[in-house]
């Protein structure tokens, strides 16, 4: 099983923000393991503190360094 570690304090982590009302799911690949990151409507989650790959709702795969924000709106994710 894969655990998602949410970093706190001064560590940098990517953020995922779901601006939609319904739950959206990202697939996070980190250290060779895949996990689903489900974001409820309006939820913000920090993840990926050491860099990872994320599969967006449209199937695109993006590499994250841990400094980005993934913003989901209208079912579409944008990296900022």
N, C-alpha and C. Protein backbone atom coordinates (compact mmCIF):
# COMPACT_ATOMS: atom_id res chain seq x y z
N UNK A 1 0.84 -1.19 0.00
CA UNK A 1 0.00 0.00 0.00
C UNK A 1 0.88 1.25 0.00
N UNK A 2 0.35 2.31 -0.52
CA UNK A 2 1.09 3.56 -0.64
C UNK A 2 0.45 4.59 0.28
N UNK A 3 1.25 5.21 1.09
CA UNK A 3 0.75 6.26 1.98
C UNK A 3 1.10 7.62 1.39
N UNK A 4 0.18 8.55 1.49
CA UNK A 4 0.47 9.91 1.06
C UNK A 4 0.87 10.69 2.31
N UNK A 5 2.08 11.20 2.30
CA UNK A 5 2.58 11.96 3.44
C UNK A 5 2.31 13.44 3.18
N UNK A 6 1.61 14.07 4.08
CA UNK A 6 1.34 15.49 3.96
C UNK A 6 2.39 16.23 4.78
N UNK A 7 3.19 17.01 4.09
CA UNK A 7 4.28 17.71 4.76
C UNK A 7 3.74 18.93 5.50
N UNK A 8 4.38 19.24 6.61
CA UNK A 8 4.01 20.45 7.35
C UNK A 8 5.28 21.21 7.68
N UNK A 9 5.11 22.40 8.20
CA UNK A 9 6.27 23.20 8.54
C UNK A 9 6.83 23.90 7.33
N UNK A 10 8.17 23.97 7.23
CA UNK A 10 8.79 24.76 6.18
C UNK A 10 9.05 23.95 4.91
N UNK A 11 8.71 22.67 4.90
CA UNK A 11 8.94 21.85 3.71
C UNK A 11 8.05 22.34 2.57
N UNK A 12 8.57 22.28 1.37
CA UNK A 12 7.78 22.67 0.20
C UNK A 12 7.04 21.46 -0.32
N UNK A 13 5.82 21.68 -0.75
CA UNK A 13 5.04 20.62 -1.36
C UNK A 13 4.15 21.25 -2.41
N UNK A 14 3.80 20.46 -3.40
CA UNK A 14 2.82 20.92 -4.37
C UNK A 14 1.46 20.97 -3.69
N UNK A 15 0.58 21.79 -4.21
CA UNK A 15 -0.78 21.89 -3.69
C UNK A 15 -1.75 21.53 -4.80
N UNK A 16 -2.85 20.90 -4.42
CA UNK A 16 -3.94 20.65 -5.35
C UNK A 16 -5.18 21.33 -4.78
N UNK A 17 -5.84 22.14 -5.62
CA UNK A 17 -7.02 22.89 -5.21
C UNK A 17 -8.17 22.49 -6.11
N UNK A 18 -9.27 22.03 -5.52
CA UNK A 18 -10.45 21.66 -6.30
C UNK A 18 -11.48 22.78 -6.16
N UNK A 19 -11.67 23.54 -7.24
CA UNK A 19 -12.63 24.64 -7.22
C UNK A 19 -14.02 24.19 -7.66
N UNK A 20 -14.14 22.92 -8.02
CA UNK A 20 -15.44 22.38 -8.43
C UNK A 20 -16.26 21.94 -7.21
N UNK A 21 -17.54 21.70 -7.41
CA UNK A 21 -18.41 21.23 -6.33
C UNK A 21 -18.28 19.73 -6.13
N UNK A 22 -17.91 19.00 -7.18
CA UNK A 22 -17.83 17.55 -7.06
C UNK A 22 -16.40 17.09 -6.85
N UNK A 23 -16.25 15.88 -6.34
CA UNK A 23 -14.93 15.31 -6.07
C UNK A 23 -14.17 15.08 -7.37
N UNK A 24 -12.90 15.43 -7.38
CA UNK A 24 -12.00 15.19 -8.52
C UNK A 24 -10.85 14.35 -8.02
N UNK A 25 -10.33 13.48 -8.89
CA UNK A 25 -9.26 12.58 -8.50
C UNK A 25 -8.04 12.78 -9.38
N UNK A 26 -6.87 12.89 -8.74
CA UNK A 26 -5.59 12.92 -9.43
C UNK A 26 -4.87 11.62 -9.11
N UNK A 27 -4.10 11.11 -10.06
CA UNK A 27 -3.28 9.93 -9.82
C UNK A 27 -1.85 10.43 -9.60
N UNK A 28 -1.30 10.11 -8.44
CA UNK A 28 0.04 10.58 -8.07
C UNK A 28 1.00 9.40 -8.14
N UNK A 29 2.10 9.56 -8.89
CA UNK A 29 3.14 8.53 -8.97
C UNK A 29 4.38 9.10 -8.30
N UNK A 30 4.77 8.46 -7.21
CA UNK A 30 5.88 8.98 -6.39
C UNK A 30 6.70 7.78 -5.93
N UNK A 31 7.99 7.81 -6.20
CA UNK A 31 8.87 6.73 -5.76
C UNK A 31 8.48 5.37 -6.31
N UNK A 32 7.93 5.35 -7.53
CA UNK A 32 7.57 4.09 -8.16
C UNK A 32 6.20 3.57 -7.77
N UNK A 33 5.51 4.22 -6.84
CA UNK A 33 4.19 3.77 -6.42
C UNK A 33 3.13 4.75 -6.88
N UNK A 34 1.95 4.21 -7.23
CA UNK A 34 0.84 5.07 -7.65
C UNK A 34 -0.21 5.11 -6.56
N UNK A 35 -0.80 6.28 -6.37
CA UNK A 35 -1.90 6.41 -5.42
C UNK A 35 -2.90 7.40 -5.98
N UNK A 36 -4.15 7.27 -5.55
CA UNK A 36 -5.19 8.20 -5.96
C UNK A 36 -5.32 9.28 -4.90
N UNK A 37 -5.41 10.51 -5.36
CA UNK A 37 -5.61 11.65 -4.47
C UNK A 37 -6.99 12.21 -4.80
N UNK A 38 -7.97 11.91 -3.96
CA UNK A 38 -9.34 12.38 -4.18
C UNK A 38 -9.53 13.69 -3.45
N UNK A 39 -9.99 14.70 -4.18
CA UNK A 39 -10.21 16.03 -3.61
C UNK A 39 -11.70 16.32 -3.61
N UNK A 40 -12.26 16.50 -2.44
CA UNK A 40 -13.67 16.88 -2.33
C UNK A 40 -13.84 18.30 -2.87
N UNK A 41 -15.07 18.67 -3.19
CA UNK A 41 -15.33 20.02 -3.68
C UNK A 41 -14.82 21.07 -2.71
N UNK A 42 -14.04 22.02 -3.20
CA UNK A 42 -13.52 23.10 -2.38
C UNK A 42 -12.30 22.75 -1.55
N UNK A 43 -11.82 21.52 -1.65
CA UNK A 43 -10.70 21.07 -0.80
C UNK A 43 -9.35 21.47 -1.40
N UNK A 44 -8.38 21.74 -0.53
CA UNK A 44 -6.99 21.98 -0.91
C UNK A 44 -6.12 20.99 -0.15
N UNK A 45 -5.22 20.31 -0.86
CA UNK A 45 -4.36 19.30 -0.25
C UNK A 45 -2.92 19.56 -0.68
N UNK A 46 -1.99 19.45 0.27
CA UNK A 46 -0.56 19.49 -0.06
C UNK A 46 -0.10 18.05 -0.28
N UNK A 47 0.70 17.85 -1.32
CA UNK A 47 1.19 16.51 -1.62
C UNK A 47 2.52 16.64 -2.35
N UNK A 48 3.16 15.53 -2.62
CA UNK A 48 4.31 15.53 -3.51
C UNK A 48 5.47 16.40 -3.00
N UNK A 49 5.91 16.25 -1.73
CA UNK A 49 6.95 17.14 -1.20
C UNK A 49 8.31 16.97 -1.87
N UNK A 50 8.57 15.82 -2.47
CA UNK A 50 9.88 15.57 -3.08
C UNK A 50 9.83 15.42 -4.59
N UNK A 51 8.77 15.93 -5.19
CA UNK A 51 8.61 15.79 -6.64
C UNK A 51 7.88 14.49 -6.96
N UNK A 52 7.09 14.52 -8.02
CA UNK A 52 6.32 13.35 -8.42
C UNK A 52 5.77 13.59 -9.81
N UNK A 53 5.07 12.60 -10.31
CA UNK A 53 4.30 12.76 -11.53
C UNK A 53 2.84 12.72 -11.14
N UNK A 54 2.02 13.52 -11.80
CA UNK A 54 0.59 13.52 -11.50
C UNK A 54 -0.17 13.35 -12.82
N UNK A 55 -1.16 12.45 -12.80
CA UNK A 55 -2.03 12.26 -13.95
C UNK A 55 -3.29 13.09 -13.70
N UNK A 56 -3.54 14.03 -14.61
CA UNK A 56 -4.65 14.97 -14.47
C UNK A 56 -5.95 14.30 -14.93
N UNK A 57 -7.11 14.91 -14.60
CA UNK A 57 -8.39 14.30 -14.99
C UNK A 57 -8.54 14.03 -16.48
N UNK A 58 -7.85 14.79 -17.34
CA UNK A 58 -7.95 14.56 -18.79
C UNK A 58 -6.96 13.52 -19.29
N UNK A 59 -6.16 12.95 -18.38
CA UNK A 59 -5.21 11.91 -18.77
C UNK A 59 -3.80 12.41 -19.01
N UNK A 60 -3.60 13.73 -19.04
CA UNK A 60 -2.25 14.27 -19.21
C UNK A 60 -1.41 13.95 -17.98
N UNK A 61 -0.13 13.68 -18.20
CA UNK A 61 0.80 13.43 -17.10
C UNK A 61 1.77 14.60 -17.01
N UNK A 62 1.90 15.16 -15.82
CA UNK A 62 2.80 16.29 -15.60
C UNK A 62 3.81 15.93 -14.51
N UNK A 63 5.04 16.40 -14.69
CA UNK A 63 6.07 16.22 -13.67
C UNK A 63 6.02 17.44 -12.75
N UNK A 64 5.98 17.20 -11.44
CA UNK A 64 5.97 18.29 -10.47
C UNK A 64 7.25 18.25 -9.65
N UNK A 65 7.76 19.41 -9.32
CA UNK A 65 8.95 19.49 -8.48
C UNK A 65 8.58 19.64 -7.02
N UNK A 66 7.32 19.98 -6.74
CA UNK A 66 6.87 20.20 -5.37
C UNK A 66 6.58 21.65 -5.08
N UNK A 67 6.74 22.54 -6.07
CA UNK A 67 6.49 23.96 -5.85
C UNK A 67 5.22 24.44 -6.55
N UNK A 68 4.56 23.55 -7.30
CA UNK A 68 3.43 23.97 -8.11
C UNK A 68 2.10 23.89 -7.36
N UNK A 69 1.11 24.53 -7.97
CA UNK A 69 -0.27 24.38 -7.53
C UNK A 69 -1.06 23.81 -8.70
N UNK A 70 -1.75 22.71 -8.45
CA UNK A 70 -2.65 22.12 -9.44
C UNK A 70 -4.04 22.64 -9.10
N UNK A 71 -4.62 23.42 -10.03
CA UNK A 71 -5.92 24.02 -9.81
C UNK A 71 -6.93 23.33 -10.71
N UNK A 72 -7.98 22.77 -10.11
CA UNK A 72 -9.01 22.07 -10.89
C UNK A 72 -10.26 22.94 -10.89
N UNK A 73 -10.72 23.26 -12.10
CA UNK A 73 -11.91 24.07 -12.25
C UNK A 73 -12.65 23.60 -13.51
N UNK A 74 -13.93 23.32 -13.39
CA UNK A 74 -14.70 22.81 -14.52
C UNK A 74 -14.20 21.46 -14.99
N UNK A 75 -13.61 20.69 -14.09
CA UNK A 75 -13.10 19.37 -14.45
C UNK A 75 -11.77 19.40 -15.15
N UNK A 76 -11.20 20.59 -15.34
CA UNK A 76 -9.92 20.75 -16.03
C UNK A 76 -8.87 21.19 -15.02
N UNK A 77 -7.70 20.52 -15.04
CA UNK A 77 -6.61 20.88 -14.13
C UNK A 77 -5.59 21.73 -14.86
N UNK A 78 -5.14 22.78 -14.19
CA UNK A 78 -4.07 23.63 -14.70
C UNK A 78 -2.97 23.68 -13.67
N UNK A 79 -1.72 23.67 -14.16
CA UNK A 79 -0.57 23.77 -13.28
C UNK A 79 -0.14 25.23 -13.20
N UNK A 80 -0.01 25.73 -11.99
CA UNK A 80 0.41 27.14 -11.83
C UNK A 80 1.69 27.21 -11.04
